[in-house]
PDB file of N, CA and C in Angstrom:
ATOM      1  N   MET A   1     -11.824 -16.700   0.391  1.00  0.00           N
ATOM      2  CA  MET A   1     -10.820 -16.033   0.166  1.00  0.00           C
ATOM      3  C   MET A   1     -11.654 -14.199   0.933  1.00  0.00           C
ATOM      4  N   ILE A   2     -11.164 -13.118   1.318  1.00  0.00           N
ATOM      5  CA  ILE A   2     -11.684 -11.889   2.355  1.00  0.00           C
ATOM      6  C   ILE A   2     -12.111 -11.249   1.783  1.00  0.00           C
ATOM      7  N   ASN A   3     -13.233 -10.887   2.047  1.00  0.00           N
ATOM      8  CA  ASN A   3     -14.783  -9.669   1.375  1.00  0.00           C
ATOM      9  C   ASN A   3     -13.251  -9.120   0.093  1.00  0.00           C
ATOM     10  N   LEU A   4     -14.374  -8.839  -0.830  1.00  0.00           N
ATOM     11  CA  LEU A   4     -14.244  -7.855  -2.099  1.00  0.00           C
ATOM     12  C   LEU A   4     -13.579  -6.630  -1.840  1.00  0.00           C
ATOM     13  N   LYS A   5     -14.176  -5.948  -0.558  1.00  0.00           N
ATOM     14  CA  LYS A   5     -14.228  -5.201   0.037  1.00  0.00           C
ATOM     15  C   LYS A   5     -13.049  -4.461   0.308  1.00  0.00           C
ATOM     16  N   PHE A   6     -11.775  -5.177   0.609  1.00  0.00           N
ATOM     17  CA  PHE A   6     -10.248  -5.329   1.113  1.00  0.00           C
ATOM     18  C   PHE A   6      -9.487  -4.727  -0.124  1.00  0.00           C
ATOM     19  N   ALA A   7     -10.037  -5.428  -1.518  1.00  0.00           N
ATOM     20  CA  ALA A   7      -8.967  -4.172  -2.570  1.00  0.00           C
ATOM     21  C   ALA A   7      -9.239  -3.682  -2.954  1.00  0.00           C
ATOM     22  N   GLU A   8     -10.974  -3.347  -3.012  1.00  0.00           N
ATOM     23  CA  GLU A   8     -11.560  -1.977  -2.590  1.00  0.00           C
ATOM     24  C   GLU A   8     -11.327  -0.704  -2.136  1.00  0.00           C
ATOM     25  N   ASN A   9     -10.700  -1.188  -1.239  1.00  0.00           N
ATOM     26  CA  ASN A   9     -10.498  -0.449   0.186  1.00  0.00           C
ATOM     27  C   ASN A   9      -9.347   0.033  -0.254  1.00  0.00           C
ATOM     28  N   LEU A  10      -8.682  -0.906  -0.817  1.00  0.00           N
ATOM     29  CA  LEU A  10      -7.088  -1.006  -0.120  1.00  0.00           C
ATOM     30  C   LEU A  10      -6.871   0.094  -0.909  1.00  0.00           C
ATOM     31  N   LYS A  11      -7.315   0.063  -2.783  1.00  0.00           N
ATOM     32  CA  LYS A  11      -7.201   0.655  -3.760  1.00  0.00           C
ATOM     33  C   LYS A  11      -7.834   2.445  -3.574  1.00  0.00           C
ATOM     34  N   LEU A  12      -8.554   2.891  -3.008  1.00  0.00           N
ATOM     35  CA  LEU A  12      -9.319   3.389  -2.771  1.00  0.00           C
ATOM     36  C   LEU A  12      -8.150   4.628  -1.854  1.00  0.00           C
ATOM     37  N   LEU A  13      -7.808   4.287  -0.528  1.00  0.00           N
ATOM     38  CA  LEU A  13      -6.802   4.502   0.292  1.00  0.00           C
ATOM     39  C   LEU A  13      -5.581   4.485  -0.735  1.00  0.00           C
ATOM     40  N   MET A  14      -5.506   3.858  -1.288  1.00  0.00           N
ATOM     41  CA  MET A  14      -3.823   4.295  -1.937  1.00  0.00           C
ATOM     42  C   MET A  14      -4.552   5.468  -3.195  1.00  0.00           C
ATOM     43  N   GLN A  15      -5.324   6.105  -3.215  1.00  0.00           N
ATOM     44  CA  GLN A  15      -5.683   6.602  -4.309  1.00  0.00           C
ATOM     45  C   GLN A  15      -5.353   8.351  -3.744  1.00  0.00           C
ATOM     46  N   GLU A  16      -6.375   8.034  -2.704  1.00  0.00           N
ATOM     47  CA  GLU A  16      -6.525   9.120  -1.700  1.00  0.00           C
ATOM     48  C   GLU A  16      -5.515   9.478  -1.237  1.00  0.00           C
ATOM     49  N   THR A  17      -4.252   9.292  -0.950  1.00  0.00           N
ATOM     50  CA  THR A  17      -2.920   9.423  -0.223  1.00  0.00           C
ATOM     51  C   THR A  17      -1.595   9.539  -1.792  1.00  0.00           C
ATOM     52  N   ASN A  18      -2.367   9.107  -2.690  1.00  0.00           N
ATOM     53  CA  ASN A  18      -1.255   9.428  -3.615  1.00  0.00           C
ATOM     54  C   ASN A  18      -0.096   8.376  -3.929  1.00  0.00           C
ATOM     55  N   VAL A  19      -0.743   7.549  -3.321  1.00  0.00           N
ATOM     56  CA  VAL A  19       0.481   5.872  -3.019  1.00  0.00           C
ATOM     57  C   VAL A  19       0.546   5.108  -4.213  1.00  0.00           C
ATOM     58  N   ASN A  20       1.536   4.652  -4.481  1.00  0.00           N
ATOM     59  CA  ASN A  20       1.865   3.583  -5.614  1.00  0.00           C
ATOM     60  C   ASN A  20       2.364   2.218  -5.088  1.00  0.00           C
ATOM     61  N   GLN A  21       1.689   1.208  -5.652  1.00  0.00           N
ATOM     62  CA  GLN A  21       2.146  -0.763  -5.106  1.00  0.00           C
ATOM     63  C   GLN A  21       3.420  -0.192  -4.675  1.00  0.00           C
ATOM     64  N   VAL A  22       4.648   0.801  -5.278  1.00  0.00           N
ATOM     65  CA  VAL A  22       5.982   0.284  -5.457  1.00  0.00           C
ATOM     66  C   VAL A  22       5.841   0.856  -3.995  1.00  0.00           C
ATOM     67  N   MET A  23       5.720   2.081  -3.249  1.00  0.00           N
ATOM     68  CA  MET A  23       6.461   3.289  -2.559  1.00  0.00           C
ATOM     69  C   MET A  23       5.068   2.486  -1.531  1.00  0.00           C
ATOM     70  N   LEU A  24       4.172   1.827  -1.165  1.00  0.00           N
ATOM     71  CA  LEU A  24       3.145   1.086  -0.090  1.00  0.00           C
ATOM     72  C   LEU A  24       4.216  -0.174  -0.223  1.00  0.00           C
ATOM     73  N   ALA A  25       4.787  -1.223  -1.058  1.00  0.00           N
ATOM     74  CA  ALA A  25       5.620  -2.112  -0.425  1.00  0.00           C
ATOM     75  C   ALA A  25       7.179  -1.627   0.857  1.00  0.00           C
ATOM     76  N   ASN A  26       7.553  -0.632   0.602  1.00  0.00           N
ATOM     77  CA  ASN A  26       9.094   0.232   0.230  1.00  0.00           C
ATOM     78  C   ASN A  26       8.756   0.463   2.223  1.00  0.00           C
ATOM     79  N   GLU A  27       7.424   1.241   2.070  1.00  0.00           N
ATOM     80  CA  GLU A  27       6.931   2.240   3.926  1.00  0.00           C
ATOM     81  C   GLU A  27       6.429   0.863   5.141  1.00  0.00           C
ATOM     82  N   ILE A  28       5.635  -0.329   4.450  1.00  0.00           N
ATOM     83  CA  ILE A  28       5.111  -1.956   5.049  1.00  0.00           C
ATOM     84  C   ILE A  28       5.976  -2.673   4.807  1.00  0.00           C
ATOM     85  N   LYS A  29       7.409  -2.544   4.420  1.00  0.00           N
ATOM     86  CA  LYS A  29       8.350  -3.098   3.926  1.00  0.00           C
ATOM     87  C   LYS A  29       7.771  -5.518   3.685  1.00  0.00           C
ATOM     88  N   ILE A  30       7.054  -5.407   2.417  1.00  0.00           N
ATOM     89  CA  ILE A  30       6.310  -5.896   2.534  1.00  0.00           C
ATOM     90  C   ILE A  30       6.591  -6.399   0.251  1.00  0.00           C
ATOM     91  N   SER A  31       6.780  -6.896  -0.262  1.00  0.00           N
ATOM     92  CA  SER A  31       6.738  -7.372  -1.746  1.00  0.00           C
ATOM     93  C   SER A  31       5.282  -6.363  -2.545  1.00  0.00           C
ATOM     94  N   GLN A  32       6.181  -5.902  -3.221  1.00  0.00           N
ATOM     95  CA  GLN A  32       5.158  -5.184  -4.729  1.00  0.00           C
ATOM     96  C   GLN A  32       4.031  -6.132  -5.050  1.00  0.00           C
ATOM     97  N   SER A  33       5.071  -7.636  -5.415  1.00  0.00           N
ATOM     98  CA  SER A  33       4.126  -8.967  -5.218  1.00  0.00           C
ATOM     99  C   SER A  33       3.373  -8.835  -4.867  1.00  0.00           C
ATOM    100  N   ALA A  34       3.133  -8.793  -3.389  1.00  0.00           N
ATOM    101  CA  ALA A  34       2.062  -9.232  -2.483  1.00  0.00           C
ATOM    102  C   ALA A  34       0.941  -8.368  -2.274  1.00  0.00           C
ATOM    103  N   ILE A  35       1.414  -7.182  -3.290  1.00  0.00           N
ATOM    104  CA  ILE A  35       0.208  -5.745  -2.850  1.00  0.00           C
ATOM    105  C   ILE A  35      -0.850  -5.918  -4.305  1.00  0.00           C
ATOM    106  N   SER A  36      -0.128  -6.528  -5.517  1.00  0.00           N
ATOM    107  CA  SER A  36      -0.601  -6.314  -6.286  1.00  0.00           C
ATOM    108  C   SER A  36      -1.531  -7.693  -6.007  1.00  0.00           C
ATOM    109  N   ALA A  37      -1.342  -8.348  -5.268  1.00  0.00           N
ATOM    110  CA  ALA A  37      -2.187  -9.454  -5.709  1.00  0.00           C
ATOM    111  C   ALA A  37      -2.893  -9.618  -5.296  1.00  0.00           C
ATOM    112  N   TRP A  38      -3.196  -8.637  -3.743  1.00  0.00           N
ATOM    113  CA  TRP A  38      -3.932  -8.455  -3.196  1.00  0.00           C
ATOM    114  C   TRP A  38      -5.172  -7.226  -3.813  1.00  0.00           C
ATOM    115  N   LEU A  39      -4.431  -6.592  -4.167  1.00  0.00           N
ATOM    116  CA  LEU A  39      -5.110  -5.426  -4.858  1.00  0.00           C
ATOM    117  C   LEU A  39      -6.483  -6.501  -6.299  1.00  0.00           C
ATOM    118  N   LEU A  40      -5.792  -7.851  -6.845  1.00  0.00           N
ATOM    119  CA  LEU A  40      -6.508  -8.394  -7.922  1.00  0.00           C
ATOM    120  C   LEU A  40      -6.983  -9.621  -7.195  1.00  0.00           C
ATOM    121  N   ASN A  41      -7.686  -9.591  -5.897  1.00  0.00           N
ATOM    122  CA  ASN A  41      -7.997 -10.682  -5.129  1.00  0.00           C
ATOM    123  C   ASN A  41      -7.787 -12.022  -5.537  1.00  0.00           C
ATOM    124  N   LYS A  42      -5.962 -12.197  -5.557  1.00  0.00           N
ATOM    125  CA  LYS A  42      -5.492 -13.787  -5.494  1.00  0.00           C
ATOM    126  C   LYS A  42      -4.777 -13.966  -3.870  1.00  0.00           C
ATOM    127  N   LYS A  43      -4.742 -13.425  -3.608  1.00  0.00           N
ATOM    128  CA  LYS A  43      -4.422 -13.595  -2.348  1.00  0.00           C
ATOM    129  C   LYS A  43      -4.511 -12.702  -0.908  1.00  0.00           C
ATOM    130  N   GLU A  44      -4.853 -13.575   0.184  1.00  0.00           N
ATOM    131  CA  GLU A  44      -5.789 -11.749   1.775  1.00  0.00           C
ATOM    132  C   GLU A  44      -3.977 -11.951   2.434  1.00  0.00           C
ATOM    133  N   PRO A  45      -3.875 -10.812   2.726  1.00  0.00           N
ATOM    134  CA  PRO A  45      -2.673 -10.356   3.260  1.00  0.00           C
ATOM    135  C   PRO A  45      -2.845 -10.662   5.059  1.00  0.00           C
ATOM    136  N   SER A  46      -1.582 -10.870   5.944  1.00  0.00           N
ATOM    137  CA  SER A  46      -1.832 -11.730   6.734  1.00  0.00           C
ATOM    138  C   SER A  46      -2.240 -10.414   8.487  1.00  0.00           C
ATOM    139  N   ILE A  47      -1.995 -10.993   9.387  1.00  0.00           N
ATOM    140  CA  ILE A  47      -3.061 -10.331  10.259  1.00  0.00           C
ATOM    141  C   ILE A  47      -1.708  -9.190  10.298  1.00  0.00           C
ATOM    142  N   THR A  48      -0.881  -9.488  10.709  1.00  0.00           N
ATOM    143  CA  THR A  48       0.681  -8.538  10.255  1.00  0.00           C
ATOM    144  C   THR A  48       0.429  -6.854   9.272  1.00  0.00           C
ATOM    145  N   SER A  49       0.229  -8.126   8.352  1.00  0.00           N
ATOM    146  CA  SER A  49       0.182  -7.233   6.987  1.00  0.00           C
ATOM    147  C   SER A  49      -0.964  -5.974   7.637  1.00  0.00           C
ATOM    148  N   LEU A  50      -2.406  -6.206   7.602  1.00  0.00           N
ATOM    149  CA  LEU A  50      -3.121  -6.069   7.972  1.00  0.00           C
ATOM    150  C   LEU A  50      -2.865  -4.728   8.537  1.00  0.00           C
ATOM    151  N   TRP A  51      -2.141  -5.029   9.935  1.00  0.00           N
ATOM    152  CA  TRP A  51      -1.943  -3.796  11.057  1.00  0.00           C
ATOM    153  C   TRP A  51      -1.228  -2.571  10.517  1.00  0.00           C
ATOM    154  N   LEU A  52       0.350  -3.510   9.865  1.00  0.00           N
ATOM    155  CA  LEU A  52       0.748  -2.777   8.808  1.00  0.00           C
ATOM    156  C   LEU A  52       0.281  -1.378   8.087  1.00  0.00           C
ATOM    157  N   LEU A  53      -0.735  -2.183   6.800  1.00  0.00           N
ATOM    158  CA  LEU A  53      -1.545  -1.178   6.450  1.00  0.00           C
ATOM    159  C   LEU A  53      -2.075  -0.457   6.712  1.00  0.00           C
ATOM    160  N   ALA A  54      -3.261  -0.766   8.496  1.00  0.00           N
ATOM    161  CA  ALA A  54      -3.839   0.268   9.031  1.00  0.00           C
ATOM    162  C   ALA A  54      -2.928   0.890  10.089  1.00  0.00           C
ATOM    163  N   ASP A  55      -1.892   0.830  10.325  1.00  0.00           N
ATOM    164  CA  ASP A  55      -0.787   1.927  10.487  1.00  0.00           C
ATOM    165  C   ASP A  55      -0.859   3.139   9.649  1.00  0.00           C
ATOM    166  N   PHE A  56      -0.274   2.716   9.005  1.00  0.00           N
ATOM    167  CA  PHE A  56      -0.169   3.362   7.448  1.00  0.00           C
ATOM    168  C   PHE A  56      -0.897   4.526   6.726  1.00  0.00           C
ATOM    169  N   PHE A  57      -2.114   3.610   6.551  1.00  0.00           N
ATOM    170  CA  PHE A  57      -2.589   4.818   6.279  1.00  0.00           C
ATOM    171  C   PHE A  57      -3.772   4.663   7.206  1.00  0.00           C
ATOM    172  N   ASN A  58      -3.738   5.252   8.877  1.00  0.00           N
ATOM    173  CA  ASN A  58      -4.221   5.112  10.095  1.00  0.00           C
ATOM    174  C   ASN A  58      -5.546   5.434   9.965  1.00  0.00           C
ATOM    175  N   CYS A  59      -5.808   4.025   9.870  1.00  0.00           N
ATOM    176  CA  CYS A  59      -7.445   3.598   9.575  1.00  0.00           C
ATOM    177  C   CYS A  59      -7.194   2.258  10.586  1.00  0.00           C
ATOM    178  N   THR A  60      -8.570   1.964  10.728  1.00  0.00           N
ATOM    179  CA  THR A  60      -8.855   0.614  11.980  1.00  0.00           C
ATOM    180  C   THR A  60      -8.247  -0.486  10.898  1.00  0.00           C
ATOM    181  N   VAL A  61      -8.242  -2.005  11.212  1.00  0.00           N
ATOM    182  CA  VAL A  61      -7.952  -2.894   9.944  1.00  0.00           C
ATOM    183  C   VAL A  61     -10.278  -3.297   9.950  1.00  0.00           C
ATOM    184  N   ASP A  62     -10.593  -3.331  10.687  1.00  0.00           N
ATOM    185  CA  ASP A  62     -12.204  -3.212   9.905  1.00  0.00           C
ATOM    186  C   ASP A  62     -12.622  -2.338   9.357  1.00  0.00           C
ATOM    187  N   GLU A  63     -11.425  -1.472   8.865  1.00  0.00           N
ATOM    188  CA  GLU A  63     -11.876  -0.153   8.002  1.00  0.00           C
ATOM    189  C   GLU A  63     -11.674  -0.947   6.598  1.00  0.00           C
ATOM    190  N   LEU A  64     -10.034  -1.486   7.023  1.00  0.00           N
ATOM    191  CA  LEU A  64      -9.609  -2.120   5.625  1.00  0.00           C
ATOM    192  C   LEU A  64     -10.340  -2.890   4.934  1.00  0.00           C
ATOM    193  N   ILE A  65     -11.094  -3.673   5.792  1.00  0.00           N
ATOM    194  CA  ILE A  65     -12.018  -5.292   5.376  1.00  0.00           C
ATOM    195  C   ILE A  65     -13.055  -4.756   5.047  1.00  0.00           C
ATOM    196  N   GLY A  66     -13.331  -3.326   5.044  1.00  0.00           N
ATOM    197  CA  GLY A  66     -14.974  -3.814   5.278  1.00  0.00           C
ATOM    198  C   GLY A  66     -16.317  -3.801   6.141  1.00  0.00           C
ATOM    199  N   ARG A  67     -14.971  -3.949   7.464  1.00  0.00           N
ATOM    200  CA  ARG A  67     -16.719  -3.893   8.227  1.00  0.00           C
ATOM    201  C   ARG A  67     -16.873  -3.181   9.296  1.00  0.00           C
ATOM    202  N   SER A  68     -16.624  -2.070   8.610  1.00  0.00           N
ATOM    203  CA  SER A  68     -16.796  -0.449   9.062  1.00  0.00           C
ATOM    204  C   SER A  68     -16.614   0.481   8.458  1.00  0.00           C
ATOM    205  N   ASN A  69     -16.592   1.874   7.966  1.00  0.00           N
ATOM    206  CA  ASN A  69     -16.520   2.558   7.230  1.00  0.00           C
ATOM    207  C   ASN A  69     -15.473   3.591   7.555  1.00  0.00           C
ATOM    208  N   PHE A  70     -14.953   3.792   6.375  1.00  0.00           N
ATOM    209  CA  PHE A  70     -13.945   5.626   6.990  1.00  0.00           C
ATOM    210  C   PHE A  70     -14.271   6.170   7.991  1.00  0.00           C
TER     211      PHE A  70
END
């Protein structure tokens, strides 16, 4: 599984930007259930999903997965 830091970082970014799961799902064209699974560490995002998230939150994939700080 992906480092637990991903779920923590995604939650933090969503809180900081006032974005909920449904809003994020609509913006990056991913199902809300996929986002829920990521937040619960039940599934890992694909590389494409990581790119979409990084673009949406204006950060790097490394920052998302905890390899570097925001």
